């Protein structure tokens, strides 16, 4: 009997020792460092758990092969509840942190930006370069306009209809879904600006406000000037004066624009040349910021009809042609002085 008792004790001690050893191995595995670069991404497919998950992580070079991986998930079931998705390994130090990330469902976030003053052509080009985005092939602007449920009665062009902002998304999101978020946000901002606009503006529709806001956006990047620039255009519209704004000429030139506007370009009749056409161009010429929408809805109280660059990043505003001509002469004098100073250095 004593022999059996001793044998049982030995077996029990051996089992306890083995259990402790296994626990130590599992614990060491949980806290073992992963092999990854900060930019590395892992995509966990639906149903990838247990042994398959361990094999996938090993195949990706993230962890060393270990027979204890399935046991780790059994002993710590909270680490086994992984969710499908694409995850960034940036900041992840060990296997336990990695499995907790998978269980959290916090997928990697990517960013795509619509810049203030960007054109539709620029925005769509940037969209095709966005990382880990599902592209919607074969859709021209007219089709996109319809799919985005943009207002009927306006030209089927995306110009002006995408709100400048940074949009975050997860891997395999749809490019169309991002465009929808941007267009919905612009429609909301435009509706808000139109509803709160000053009375008696010479604008008949929200779309006309959008068009003018896009011109303001291209004319100045200074927040404290937007309302003044908007006021000049509003005043000119009220007096049936042509807007005569260079950004519309540039937009109408398209790819022909190479950095300079010639006299011939100002004299060329295009749908967008506001030196030659009355009123507003047929569409916006860029994506306006909400600040420009607000500026057009609430222009400054001024009688200014003209403005010209002041050589310091802003503009000089004038109410009469004489004052404007003097401001232009002063600006040109500054340019000549700068060129002379540069040449004599």
C-alpha atoms as a PDB file:
ATOM      1  CA  UNK A   1       0.000   0.000   0.000  1.00  0.00           C
ATOM      2  CA  UNK A   2       2.853   2.318   0.843  1.00  0.00           C
ATOM      3  CA  UNK A   3       4.409   1.566  -2.539  1.00  0.00           C
ATOM      4  CA  UNK A   4       1.184   2.525  -4.369  1.00  0.00           C
ATOM      5  CA  UNK A   5       0.879   5.665  -2.287  1.00  0.00           C
ATOM      6  CA  UNK A   6       4.441   6.642  -3.118  1.00  0.00           C
ATOM      7  CA  UNK A   7       3.924   5.873  -6.784  1.00  0.00           C
ATOM      8  CA  UNK A   8       0.740   7.909  -6.856  1.00  0.00           C
ATOM      9  CA  UNK A   9       2.501  10.783  -5.151  1.00  0.00           C
ATOM     10  CA  UNK A  10       5.300  10.641  -7.674  1.00  0.00           C
ATOM     11  CA  UNK A  11       2.814  10.613 -10.564  1.00  0.00           C
ATOM     12  CA  UNK A  12       0.908  13.500  -9.023  1.00  0.00           C
ATOM     13  CA  UNK A  13       4.090  15.508  -8.586  1.00  0.00           C
ATOM     14  CA  UNK A  14       5.085  14.713 -12.144  1.00  0.00           C
ATOM     15  CA  UNK A  15       1.677  15.782 -13.417  1.00  0.00           C
ATOM     16  CA  UNK A  16       1.833  18.973 -11.395  1.00  0.00           C
ATOM     17  CA  UNK A  17       5.336  19.618 -12.649  1.00  0.00           C
ATOM     18  CA  UNK A  18       4.241  19.024 -16.227  1.00  0.00           C
ATOM     19  CA  UNK A  19       1.248  21.264 -15.727  1.00  0.00           C
ATOM     20  CA  UNK A  20       3.427  24.031 -14.346  1.00  0.00           C
ATOM     21  CA  UNK A  21       5.848  23.598 -17.218  1.00  0.00           C
ATOM     22  CA  UNK A  22       3.027  23.734 -19.803  1.00  0.00           C
ATOM     23  CA  UNK A  23       1.579  26.804 -18.104  1.00  0.00           C
ATOM     24  CA  UNK A  24       4.961  28.456 -18.201  1.00  0.00           C
ATOM     25  CA  UNK A  25       5.293  27.657 -21.902  1.00  0.00           C
ATOM     26  CA  UNK A  26       1.826  29.034 -22.642  1.00  0.00           C
ATOM     27  CA  UNK A  27       2.515  32.150 -20.593  1.00  0.00           C
ATOM     28  CA  UNK A  28       5.867  32.616 -22.331  1.00  0.00           C
ATOM     29  CA  UNK A  29       4.136  32.229 -25.710  1.00  0.00           C
ATOM     30  CA  UNK A  30       1.515  34.855 -24.787  1.00  0.00           C
ATOM     31  CA  UNK A  31       4.247  37.354 -23.962  1.00  0.00           C
ATOM     32  CA  UNK A  32       6.612  36.397 -26.750  1.00  0.00           C
ATOM     33  CA  UNK A  33       7.512  39.331 -29.013  1.00  0.00           C
ATOM     34  CA  UNK A  34       6.028  39.342 -32.495  1.00  0.00           C
ATOM     35  CA  UNK A  35       8.120  39.722 -35.632  1.00  0.00           C
ATOM     36  CA  UNK A  36       6.635  42.603 -37.602  1.00  0.00           C
ATOM     37  CA  UNK A  37       7.334  45.959 -39.182  1.00  0.00           C
ATOM     38  CA  UNK A  38       5.303  49.035 -38.119  1.00  0.00           C
ATOM     39  CA  UNK A  39       3.710  49.210 -41.586  1.00  0.00           C
ATOM     40  CA  UNK A  40       2.697  45.549 -41.676  1.00  0.00           C
ATOM     41  CA  UNK A  41      -0.969  44.662 -42.010  1.00  0.00           C
ATOM     42  CA  UNK A  42      -2.729  41.396 -41.288  1.00  0.00           C
ATOM     43  CA  UNK A  43      -6.082  40.442 -42.751  1.00  0.00           C
ATOM     44  CA  UNK A  44      -8.059  37.962 -40.666  1.00  0.00           C
ATOM     45  CA  UNK A  45     -10.718  36.164 -42.663  1.00  0.00           C
ATOM     46  CA  UNK A  46     -14.038  35.176 -41.189  1.00  0.00           C
ATOM     47  CA  UNK A  47     -13.831  31.857 -39.336  1.00  0.00           C
ATOM     48  CA  UNK A  48     -10.058  32.003 -38.799  1.00  0.00           C
ATOM     49  CA  UNK A  49      -9.621  30.767 -35.225  1.00  0.00           C
ATOM     50  CA  UNK A  50      -7.611  28.288 -33.172  1.00  0.00           C
ATOM     51  CA  UNK A  51      -5.046  26.236 -35.038  1.00  0.00           C
ATOM     52  CA  UNK A  52      -5.742  28.013 -38.355  1.00  0.00           C
ATOM     53  CA  UNK A  53      -5.039  31.382 -36.767  1.00  0.00           C
ATOM     54  CA  UNK A  54      -1.725  30.159 -35.385  1.00  0.00           C
ATOM     55  CA  UNK A  55      -0.751  28.700 -38.763  1.00  0.00           C
ATOM     56  CA  UNK A  56      -1.642  31.980 -40.496  1.00  0.00           C
ATOM     57  CA  UNK A  57       0.423  34.076 -38.075  1.00  0.00           C
ATOM     58  CA  UNK A  58       3.367  31.714 -38.498  1.00  0.00           C
ATOM     59  CA  UNK A  59       3.034  31.767 -42.298  1.00  0.00           C
ATOM     60  CA  UNK A  60       3.106  35.577 -42.188  1.00  0.00           C
ATOM     61  CA  UNK A  61       6.325  35.433 -40.166  1.00  0.00           C
ATOM     62  CA  UNK A  62       4.708  37.136 -37.189  1.00  0.00           C
ATOM     63  CA  UNK A  63       5.221  34.348 -34.637  1.00  0.00           C
ATOM     64  CA  UNK A  64       7.338  31.226 -34.330  1.00  0.00           C
ATOM     65  CA  UNK A  65       5.587  27.876 -34.693  1.00  0.00           C
ATOM     66  CA  UNK A  66       4.337  26.585 -31.345  1.00  0.00           C
ATOM     67  CA  UNK A  67       2.256  23.566 -30.323  1.00  0.00           C
ATOM     68  CA  UNK A  68       0.958  25.623 -27.414  1.00  0.00           C
ATOM     69  CA  UNK A  69      -0.932  28.189 -29.515  1.00  0.00           C
ATOM     70  CA  UNK A  70      -4.315  26.341 -29.457  1.00  0.00           C
ATOM     71  CA  UNK A  71      -3.900  25.791 -25.700  1.00  0.00           C
ATOM     72  CA  UNK A  72      -3.276  29.499 -25.175  1.00  0.00           C
ATOM     73  CA  UNK A  73      -6.646  30.261 -26.763  1.00  0.00           C
ATOM     74  CA  UNK A  74      -8.360  27.651 -24.574  1.00  0.00           C
ATOM     75  CA  UNK A  75      -6.799  28.924 -21.361  1.00  0.00           C
ATOM     76  CA  UNK A  76      -7.531  32.537 -22.277  1.00  0.00           C
ATOM     77  CA  UNK A  77     -10.781  32.356 -24.279  1.00  0.00           C
ATOM     78  CA  UNK A  78     -11.040  36.163 -24.411  1.00  0.00           C
ATOM     79  CA  UNK A  79      -8.093  36.051 -26.821  1.00  0.00           C
ATOM     80  CA  UNK A  80      -9.845  33.525 -29.066  1.00  0.00           C
ATOM     81  CA  UNK A  81     -12.800  35.756 -29.964  1.00  0.00           C
ATOM     82  CA  UNK A  82     -11.047  37.261 -32.981  1.00  0.00           C
ATOM     83  CA  UNK A  83     -13.002  39.369 -35.448  1.00  0.00           C
ATOM     84  CA  UNK A  84     -12.465  39.402 -39.178  1.00  0.00           C
ATOM     85  CA  UNK A  85     -10.766  42.499 -40.576  1.00  0.00           C
ATOM     86  CA  UNK A  86      -7.485  44.129 -41.558  1.00  0.00           C
ATOM     87  CA  UNK A  87      -5.270  45.170 -38.675  1.00  0.00           C
ATOM     88  CA  UNK A  88      -2.152  47.303 -38.331  1.00  0.00           C
ATOM     89  CA  UNK A  89       0.726  45.876 -36.293  1.00  0.00           C
ATOM     90  CA  UNK A  90       2.080  49.304 -35.431  1.00  0.00           C
ATOM     91  CA  UNK A  91       2.707  49.548 -31.688  1.00  0.00           C
ATOM     92  CA  UNK A  92       1.960  45.854 -31.044  1.00  0.00           C
ATOM     93  CA  UNK A  93       4.722  44.275 -28.963  1.00  0.00           C
ATOM     94  CA  UNK A  94       3.732  40.697 -28.141  1.00  0.00           C
ATOM     95  CA  UNK A  95       1.316  37.940 -29.099  1.00  0.00           C
ATOM     96  CA  UNK A  96      -1.105  38.720 -26.274  1.00  0.00           C
ATOM     97  CA  UNK A  97      -1.469  42.345 -27.480  1.00  0.00           C
ATOM     98  CA  UNK A  98      -1.937  41.114 -31.049  1.00  0.00           C
ATOM     99  CA  UNK A  99      -4.721  38.696 -30.093  1.00  0.00           C
ATOM    100  CA  UNK A 100      -6.424  41.384 -28.005  1.00  0.00           C
ATOM    101  CA  UNK A 101      -6.307  43.650 -31.047  1.00  0.00           C
ATOM    102  CA  UNK A 102      -8.001  40.970 -33.157  1.00  0.00           C
ATOM    103  CA  UNK A 103     -10.639  40.504 -30.438  1.00  0.00           C
ATOM    104  CA  UNK A 104     -11.293  44.254 -30.239  1.00  0.00           C
ATOM    105  CA  UNK A 105     -12.204  44.534 -33.920  1.00  0.00           C
ATOM    106  CA  UNK A 106     -10.288  47.833 -34.159  1.00  0.00           C
ATOM    107  CA  UNK A 107      -9.255  47.600 -37.779  1.00  0.00           C
ATOM    108  CA  UNK A 108      -6.507  49.647 -39.404  1.00  0.00           C
ATOM    109  CA  UNK A 109      -7.667  53.084 -40.504  1.00  0.00           C
ATOM    110  CA  UNK A 110      -6.621  54.723 -43.759  1.00  0.00           C
ATOM    111  CA  UNK A 111      -7.125  58.320 -44.814  1.00  0.00           C
ATOM    112  CA  UNK A 112      -8.192  60.010 -48.035  1.00  0.00           C
ATOM    113  CA  UNK A 113      -8.424  63.785 -48.325  1.00  0.00           C
ATOM    114  CA  UNK A 114     -10.433  66.196 -50.422  1.00  0.00           C
ATOM    115  CA  UNK A 115      -8.425  69.415 -50.362  1.00  0.00           C
ATOM    116  CA  UNK A 116      -9.938  72.888 -50.246  1.00  0.00           C
ATOM    117  CA  UNK A 117      -9.889  74.208 -53.785  1.00  0.00           C
ATOM    118  CA  UNK A 118      -9.214  70.823 -55.383  1.00  0.00           C
ATOM    119  CA  UNK A 119     -10.927  70.139 -58.684  1.00  0.00           C
ATOM    120  CA  UNK A 120     -13.013  67.045 -59.381  1.00  0.00           C
ATOM    121  CA  UNK A 121     -10.249  65.788 -61.668  1.00  0.00           C
ATOM    122  CA  UNK A 122      -7.702  66.049 -58.856  1.00  0.00           C
ATOM    123  CA  UNK A 123     -10.030  64.422 -56.335  1.00  0.00           C
ATOM    124  CA  UNK A 124     -10.868  61.451 -58.568  1.00  0.00           C
ATOM    125  CA  UNK A 125      -7.185  60.974 -59.397  1.00  0.00           C
ATOM    126  CA  UNK A 126      -6.290  60.904 -55.700  1.00  0.00           C
ATOM    127  CA  UNK A 127      -9.076  58.407 -55.074  1.00  0.00           C
ATOM    128  CA  UNK A 128      -7.546  55.923 -57.517  1.00  0.00           C
ATOM    129  CA  UNK A 129      -4.288  56.155 -55.550  1.00  0.00           C
ATOM    130  CA  UNK A 130      -5.889  55.613 -52.134  1.00  0.00           C
ATOM    131  CA  UNK A 131      -4.579  52.543 -50.313  1.00  0.00           C
ATOM    132  CA  UNK A 132      -6.632  49.422 -49.696  1.00  0.00           C
ATOM    133  CA  UNK A 133      -9.722  50.855 -51.348  1.00  0.00           C
ATOM    134  CA  UNK A 134     -12.083  48.941 -53.602  1.00  0.00           C
ATOM    135  CA  UNK A 135     -12.307  50.914 -56.829  1.00  0.00           C
ATOM    136  CA  UNK A 136     -15.561  51.190 -58.761  1.00  0.00           C
ATOM    137  CA  UNK A 137     -14.562  50.746 -62.372  1.00  0.00           C
ATOM    138  CA  UNK A 138     -16.196  52.155 -65.467  1.00  0.00           C
ATOM    139  CA  UNK A 139     -18.196  54.994 -63.919  1.00  0.00           C
ATOM    140  CA  UNK A 140     -17.954  58.434 -65.523  1.00  0.00           C
ATOM    141  CA  UNK A 141     -18.948  61.672 -63.798  1.00  0.00           C
ATOM    142  CA  UNK A 142     -22.521  61.507 -65.084  1.00  0.00           C
ATOM    143  CA  UNK A 143     -22.981  58.016 -63.647  1.00  0.00           C
ATOM    144  CA  UNK A 144     -21.329  59.007 -60.380  1.00  0.00           C
ATOM    145  CA  UNK A 145     -23.550  62.088 -60.131  1.00  0.00           C
ATOM    146  CA  UNK A 146     -26.606  59.841 -60.329  1.00  0.00           C
ATOM    147  CA  UNK A 147     -25.230  57.212 -57.939  1.00  0.00           C
ATOM    148  CA  UNK A 148     -24.402  59.906 -55.375  1.00  0.00           C
ATOM    149  CA  UNK A 149     -27.991  61.191 -55.540  1.00  0.00           C
ATOM    150  CA  UNK A 150     -26.877  64.756 -56.217  1.00  0.00           C
ATOM    151  CA  UNK A 151     -29.559  67.381 -56.923  1.00  0.00           C
ATOM    152  CA  UNK A 152     -31.420  67.160 -60.186  1.00  0.00           C
ATOM    153  CA  UNK A 153     -31.585  70.212 -62.400  1.00  0.00           C
ATOM    154  CA  UNK A 154     -27.861  70.962 -62.115  1.00  0.00           C
ATOM    155  CA  UNK A 155     -25.180  69.905 -64.607  1.00  0.00           C
ATOM    156  CA  UNK A 156     -24.169  66.295 -63.923  1.00  0.00           C
ATOM    157  CA  UNK A 157     -20.650  67.200 -62.830  1.00  0.00           C
ATOM    158  CA  UNK A 158     -18.981  66.455 -59.495  1.00  0.00           C
ATOM    159  CA  UNK A 159     -17.241  69.833 -59.447  1.00  0.00           C
ATOM    160  CA  UNK A 160     -18.006  71.592 -56.180  1.00  0.00           C
ATOM    161  CA  UNK A 161     -20.023  68.759 -54.698  1.00  0.00           C
ATOM    162  CA  UNK A 162     -17.364  67.071 -52.510  1.00  0.00           C
ATOM    163  CA  UNK A 163     -16.746  68.533 -49.059  1.00  0.00           C
ATOM    164  CA  UNK A 164     -13.065  69.245 -48.310  1.00  0.00           C
ATOM    165  CA  UNK A 165     -12.080  67.056 -45.387  1.00  0.00           C
ATOM    166  CA  UNK A 166     -10.057  63.989 -44.388  1.00  0.00           C
ATOM    167  CA  UNK A 167     -12.083  60.789 -44.620  1.00  0.00           C
ATOM    168  CA  UNK A 168     -10.988  57.705 -42.687  1.00  0.00           C
ATOM    169  CA  UNK A 169     -11.908  54.220 -43.828  1.00  0.00           C
ATOM    170  CA  UNK A 170     -11.015  50.559 -43.304  1.00  0.00           C
ATOM    171  CA  UNK A 171      -9.462  48.224 -45.850  1.00  0.00           C
ATOM    172  CA  UNK A 172     -11.665  47.128 -48.752  1.00  0.00           C
ATOM    173  CA  UNK A 173     -14.049  50.039 -48.322  1.00  0.00           C
ATOM    174  CA  UNK A 174     -15.700  51.233 -51.521  1.00  0.00           C
ATOM    175  CA  UNK A 175     -14.446  54.319 -53.353  1.00  0.00           C
ATOM    176  CA  UNK A 176     -18.072  55.127 -54.119  1.00  0.00           C
ATOM    177  CA  UNK A 177     -18.881  55.009 -50.394  1.00  0.00           C
ATOM    178  CA  UNK A 178     -16.186  57.605 -49.706  1.00  0.00           C
ATOM    179  CA  UNK A 179     -17.507  59.860 -52.474  1.00  0.00           C
ATOM    180  CA  UNK A 180     -20.978  59.466 -51.004  1.00  0.00           C
ATOM    181  CA  UNK A 181     -19.785  60.609 -47.583  1.00  0.00           C
ATOM    182  CA  UNK A 182     -18.064  63.636 -49.120  1.00  0.00           C
ATOM    183  CA  UNK A 183     -21.053  64.585 -51.292  1.00  0.00           C
ATOM    184  CA  UNK A 184     -23.572  64.136 -48.475  1.00  0.00           C
ATOM    185  CA  UNK A 185     -21.465  66.365 -46.247  1.00  0.00           C
ATOM    186  CA  UNK A 186     -21.297  69.063 -48.930  1.00  0.00           C
ATOM    187  CA  UNK A 187     -25.042  68.942 -49.527  1.00  0.00           C
ATOM    188  CA  UNK A 188     -25.625  69.369 -45.799  1.00  0.00           C
ATOM    189  CA  UNK A 189     -23.178  72.297 -45.590  1.00  0.00           C
ATOM    190  CA  UNK A 190     -24.691  73.959 -48.668  1.00  0.00           C
ATOM    191  CA  UNK A 191     -28.245  73.573 -47.344  1.00  0.00           C
ATOM    192  CA  UNK A 192     -27.179  75.090 -44.048  1.00  0.00           C
ATOM    193  CA  UNK A 193     -25.462  78.037 -45.740  1.00  0.00           C
ATOM    194  CA  UNK A 194     -28.419  78.650 -48.060  1.00  0.00           C
ATOM    195  CA  UNK A 195     -30.959  78.555 -45.235  1.00  0.00           C
ATOM    196  CA  UNK A 196     -28.944  81.058 -43.165  1.00  0.00           C
ATOM    197  CA  UNK A 197     -27.969  83.377 -46.051  1.00  0.00           C
ATOM    198  CA  UNK A 198     -28.391  87.141 -45.989  1.00  0.00           C
ATOM    199  CA  UNK A 199     -31.540  88.459 -47.634  1.00  0.00           C
ATOM    200  CA  UNK A 200     -31.488  90.023 -51.087  1.00  0.00           C
ATOM    201  CA  UNK A 201     -28.413  88.232 -52.376  1.00  0.00           C
ATOM    202  CA  UNK A 202     -28.320  88.165 -56.211  1.00  0.00           C
ATOM    203  CA  UNK A 203     -28.312  84.353 -56.143  1.00  0.00           C
ATOM    204  CA  UNK A 204     -31.334  82.361 -57.207  1.00  0.00           C
ATOM    205  CA  UNK A 205     -30.424  78.841 -56.092  1.00  0.00           C
ATOM    206  CA  UNK A 206     -28.156  76.993 -53.674  1.00  0.00           C
ATOM    207  CA  UNK A 207     -26.183  75.834 -56.717  1.00  0.00           C
ATOM    208  CA  UNK A 208     -25.345  79.436 -57.601  1.00  0.00           C
ATOM    209  CA  UNK A 209     -24.080  79.924 -54.048  1.00  0.00           C
ATOM    210  CA  UNK A 210     -21.921  76.819 -54.522  1.00  0.00           C
ATOM    211  CA  UNK A 211     -20.521  78.178 -57.789  1.00  0.00           C
ATOM    212  CA  UNK A 212     -19.608  81.538 -56.288  1.00  0.00           C
ATOM    213  CA  UNK A 213     -18.118  79.902 -53.183  1.00  0.00           C
ATOM    214  CA  UNK A 214     -15.806  77.869 -55.399  1.00  0.00           C
ATOM    215  CA  UNK A 215     -14.560  81.084 -57.034  1.00  0.00           C
ATOM    216  CA  UNK A 216     -13.966  82.684 -53.626  1.00  0.00           C
ATOM    217  CA  UNK A 217     -12.053  79.558 -52.604  1.00  0.00           C
ATOM    218  CA  UNK A 218      -9.689  79.898 -55.553  1.00  0.00           C
ATOM    219  CA  UNK A 219      -9.211  83.648 -55.103  1.00  0.00           C
ATOM    220  CA  UNK A 220      -8.008  83.672 -51.501  1.00  0.00           C
ATOM    221  CA  UNK A 221      -6.746  81.303 -48.843  1.00  0.00           C
ATOM    222  CA  UNK A 222      -7.037  83.904 -46.077  1.00  0.00           C
ATOM    223  CA  UNK A 223     -10.025  83.361 -43.825  1.00  0.00           C
ATOM    224  CA  UNK A 224     -10.290  87.043 -42.949  1.00  0.00           C
ATOM    225  CA  UNK A 225     -10.529  87.957 -46.658  1.00  0.00           C
ATOM    226  CA  UNK A 226     -13.173  85.494 -47.819  1.00  0.00           C
ATOM    227  CA  UNK A 227     -16.145  87.682 -46.915  1.00  0.00           C
ATOM    228  CA  UNK A 228     -14.513  90.695 -48.614  1.00  0.00           C
ATOM    229  CA  UNK A 229     -13.804  88.755 -51.805  1.00  0.00           C
ATOM    230  CA  UNK A 230     -17.354  87.401 -51.756  1.00  0.00           C
ATOM    231  CA  UNK A 231     -18.679  90.949 -51.314  1.00  0.00           C
ATOM    232  CA  UNK A 232     -16.816  92.171 -54.408  1.00  0.00           C
ATOM    233  CA  UNK A 233     -18.446  89.490 -56.558  1.00  0.00           C
ATOM    234  CA  UNK A 234     -21.860  90.022 -54.973  1.00  0.00           C
ATOM    235  CA  UNK A 235     -21.565  93.777 -55.615  1.00  0.00           C
ATOM    236  CA  UNK A 236     -20.572  93.179 -59.223  1.00  0.00           C
ATOM    237  CA  UNK A 237     -23.495  90.817 -59.780  1.00  0.00           C
ATOM    238  CA  UNK A 238     -25.861  93.417 -58.361  1.00  0.00           C
ATOM    239  CA  UNK A 239     -24.539  96.009 -60.826  1.00  0.00           C
ATOM    240  CA  UNK A 240     -24.591  93.518 -63.740  1.00  0.00           C
ATOM    241  CA  UNK A 241     -20.819  93.808 -64.003  1.00  0.00           C
ATOM    242  CA  UNK A 242     -18.827  90.840 -65.253  1.00  0.00           C
ATOM    243  CA  UNK A 243     -16.941  88.991 -62.524  1.00  0.00           C
ATOM    244  CA  UNK A 244     -13.623  89.102 -64.404  1.00  0.00           C
ATOM    245  CA  UNK A 245     -11.893  86.553 -62.207  1.00  0.00           C
ATOM    246  CA  UNK A 246      -8.782  84.737 -63.406  1.00  0.00           C
ATOM    247  CA  UNK A 247      -9.491  81.345 -61.751  1.00  0.00           C
ATOM    248  CA  UNK A 248     -12.522  80.866 -64.015  1.00  0.00           C
ATOM    249  CA  UNK A 249     -10.369  81.583 -67.078  1.00  0.00           C
ATOM    250  CA  UNK A 250      -7.810  79.044 -65.889  1.00  0.00           C
ATOM    251  CA  UNK A 251     -10.506  76.441 -65.305  1.00  0.00           C
ATOM    252  CA  UNK A 252     -11.916  76.991 -68.781  1.00  0.00           C
ATOM    253  CA  UNK A 253      -8.440  76.564 -70.311  1.00  0.00           C
ATOM    254  CA  UNK A 254      -8.082  73.124 -68.768  1.00  0.00           C
ATOM    255  CA  UNK A 255      -4.841  71.341 -69.641  1.00  0.00           C
ATOM    256  CA  UNK A 256      -3.794  74.280 -71.850  1.00  0.00           C
ATOM    257  CA  UNK A 257      -3.032  76.347 -68.777  1.00  0.00           C
ATOM    258  CA  UNK A 258       0.717  76.245 -68.134  1.00  0.00           C
ATOM    259  CA  UNK A 259       1.068  78.828 -65.376  1.00  0.00           C
ATOM    260  CA  UNK A 260       0.393  82.071 -67.266  1.00  0.00           C
ATOM    261  CA  UNK A 261      -2.688  83.808 -68.626  1.00  0.00           C
ATOM    262  CA  UNK A 262      -2.118  85.732 -71.857  1.00  0.00           C
ATOM    263  CA  UNK A 263      -4.234  88.537 -73.272  1.00  0.00           C
ATOM    264  CA  UNK A 264      -5.488  86.075 -75.884  1.00  0.00           C
ATOM    265  CA  UNK A 265      -6.732  83.795 -73.091  1.00  0.00           C
ATOM    266  CA  UNK A 266      -8.709  86.657 -71.539  1.00  0.00           C
ATOM    267  CA  UNK A 267     -10.243  87.424 -74.932  1.00  0.00           C
ATOM    268  CA  UNK A 268     -11.148  83.824 -75.706  1.00  0.00           C
ATOM    269  CA  UNK A 269     -14.844  83.098 -75.308  1.00  0.00           C
ATOM    270  CA  UNK A 270     -15.420  79.996 -73.218  1.00  0.00           C
ATOM    271  CA  UNK A 271     -18.273  78.997 -70.931  1.00  0.00           C
ATOM    272  CA  UNK A 272     -16.022  79.783 -67.946  1.00  0.00           C
ATOM    273  CA  UNK A 273     -14.297  82.989 -69.052  1.00  0.00           C
ATOM    274  CA  UNK A 274     -15.952  85.572 -66.791  1.00  0.00           C
ATOM    275  CA  UNK A 275     -14.181  88.341 -68.705  1.00  0.00           C
ATOM    276  CA  UNK A 276     -16.392  87.384 -71.662  1.00  0.00           C
ATOM    277  CA  UNK A 277     -19.594  85.988 -70.145  1.00  0.00           C
ATOM    278  CA  UNK A 278     -22.190  87.663 -67.961  1.00  0.00           C
ATOM    279  CA  UNK A 279     -22.924  86.358 -64.495  1.00  0.00           C
ATOM    280  CA  UNK A 280     -21.677  83.089 -63.080  1.00  0.00           C
ATOM    281  CA  UNK A 281     -19.995  80.232 -64.955  1.00  0.00           C
ATOM    282  CA  UNK A 282     -22.178  77.142 -65.517  1.00  0.00           C
ATOM    283  CA  UNK A 283     -20.619  75.048 -62.722  1.00  0.00           C
ATOM    284  CA  UNK A 284     -18.312  75.431 -59.750  1.00  0.00           C
ATOM    285  CA  UNK A 285     -14.605  75.457 -60.565  1.00  0.00           C
ATOM    286  CA  UNK A 286     -13.359  73.652 -57.426  1.00  0.00           C
ATOM    287  CA  UNK A 287     -14.406  72.200 -54.083  1.00  0.00           C
ATOM    288  CA  UNK A 288     -15.179  75.137 -51.764  1.00  0.00           C
ATOM    289  CA  UNK A 289     -14.592  75.034 -48.036  1.00  0.00           C
ATOM    290  CA  UNK A 290     -17.420  75.653 -45.615  1.00  0.00           C
ATOM    291  CA  UNK A 291     -15.713  78.977 -44.822  1.00  0.00           C
ATOM    292  CA  UNK A 292     -16.206  80.057 -48.448  1.00  0.00           C
ATOM    293  CA  UNK A 293     -19.844  78.927 -48.409  1.00  0.00           C
ATOM    294  CA  UNK A 294     -20.372  81.028 -45.294  1.00  0.00           C
ATOM    295  CA  UNK A 295     -18.572  84.007 -46.844  1.00  0.00           C
ATOM    296  CA  UNK A 296     -20.884  84.019 -49.858  1.00  0.00           C
ATOM    297  CA  UNK A 297     -23.944  83.588 -47.644  1.00  0.00           C
ATOM    298  CA  UNK A 298     -22.715  86.455 -45.431  1.00  0.00           C
ATOM    299  CA  UNK A 299     -20.576  88.815 -47.550  1.00  0.00           C
ATOM    300  CA  UNK A 300     -18.845  91.763 -45.942  1.00  0.00           C
ATOM    301  CA  UNK A 301     -20.697  95.071 -45.854  1.00  0.00           C
ATOM    302  CA  UNK A 302     -18.560  96.989 -48.318  1.00  0.00           C
ATOM    303  CA  UNK A 303     -18.900  98.890 -51.580  1.00  0.00           C
ATOM    304  CA  UNK A 304     -15.708  97.384 -53.025  1.00  0.00           C
ATOM    305  CA  UNK A 305     -15.886  96.316 -56.661  1.00  0.00           C
ATOM    306  CA  UNK A 306     -12.260  95.451 -57.295  1.00  0.00           C
ATOM    307  CA  UNK A 307      -9.317  93.723 -55.657  1.00  0.00           C
ATOM    308  CA  UNK A 308      -5.730  92.985 -56.578  1.00  0.00           C
ATOM    309  CA  UNK A 309      -2.880  91.137 -54.877  1.00  0.00           C
ATOM    310  CA  UNK A 310      -0.939  93.300 -52.441  1.00  0.00           C
ATOM    311  CA  UNK A 311       2.319  91.373 -52.693  1.00  0.00           C
ATOM    312  CA  UNK A 312       2.084  90.164 -49.102  1.00  0.00           C
ATOM    313  CA  UNK A 313      -0.223  87.196 -49.571  1.00  0.00           C
ATOM    314  CA  UNK A 314      -3.426  89.207 -49.395  1.00  0.00           C
ATOM    315  CA  UNK A 315      -5.357  91.708 -51.512  1.00  0.00           C
ATOM    316  CA  UNK A 316      -6.096  95.414 -51.741  1.00  0.00           C
ATOM    317  CA  UNK A 317      -9.813  96.164 -52.147  1.00  0.00           C
ATOM    318  CA  UNK A 318     -11.124  99.239 -53.965  1.00  0.00           C
ATOM    319  CA  UNK A 319     -14.528 100.804 -54.538  1.00  0.00           C
ATOM    320  CA  UNK A 320     -13.566 102.806 -57.649  1.00  0.00           C
ATOM    321  CA  UNK A 321     -11.679 101.985 -60.806  1.00  0.00           C
ATOM    322  CA  UNK A 322      -9.237 104.806 -60.138  1.00  0.00           C
ATOM    323  CA  UNK A 323      -8.294 103.446 -56.728  1.00  0.00           C
ATOM    324  CA  UNK A 324      -8.029  99.974 -58.225  1.00  0.00           C
ATOM    325  CA  UNK A 325      -5.698 101.156 -60.989  1.00  0.00           C
ATOM    326  CA  UNK A 326      -3.460 102.792 -58.400  1.00  0.00           C
ATOM    327  CA  UNK A 327      -3.431  99.565 -56.354  1.00  0.00           C
ATOM    328  CA  UNK A 328      -2.502  97.611 -59.481  1.00  0.00           C
ATOM    329  CA  UNK A 329       0.296 100.079 -60.289  1.00  0.00           C
ATOM    330  CA  UNK A 330       1.609  99.774 -56.733  1.00  0.00           C
ATOM    331  CA  UNK A 331       1.560  95.984 -56.953  1.00  0.00           C
ATOM    332  CA  UNK A 332       3.410  95.993 -60.285  1.00  0.00           C
ATOM    333  CA  UNK A 333       5.974  98.406 -58.831  1.00  0.00           C
ATOM    334  CA  UNK A 334       6.544  95.991 -55.965  1.00  0.00           C
ATOM    335  CA  UNK A 335       7.040  93.122 -58.405  1.00  0.00           C
ATOM    336  CA  UNK A 336       9.597  95.091 -60.402  1.00  0.00           C
ATOM    337  CA  UNK A 337      11.446  96.012 -57.219  1.00  0.00           C
ATOM    338  CA  UNK A 338      11.525  92.405 -56.083  1.00  0.00           C
ATOM    339  CA  UNK A 339      12.899  91.288 -59.454  1.00  0.00           C
ATOM    340  CA  UNK A 340      15.539  94.040 -59.352  1.00  0.00           C
ATOM    341  CA  UNK A 341      16.576  93.183 -55.805  1.00  0.00           C
ATOM    342  CA  UNK A 342      16.825  89.507 -56.717  1.00  0.00           C
ATOM    343  CA  UNK A 343      18.906  90.246 -59.825  1.00  0.00           C
ATOM    344  CA  UNK A 344      21.372  92.409 -57.892  1.00  0.00           C
ATOM    345  CA  UNK A 345      22.046  89.972 -55.072  1.00  0.00           C
END
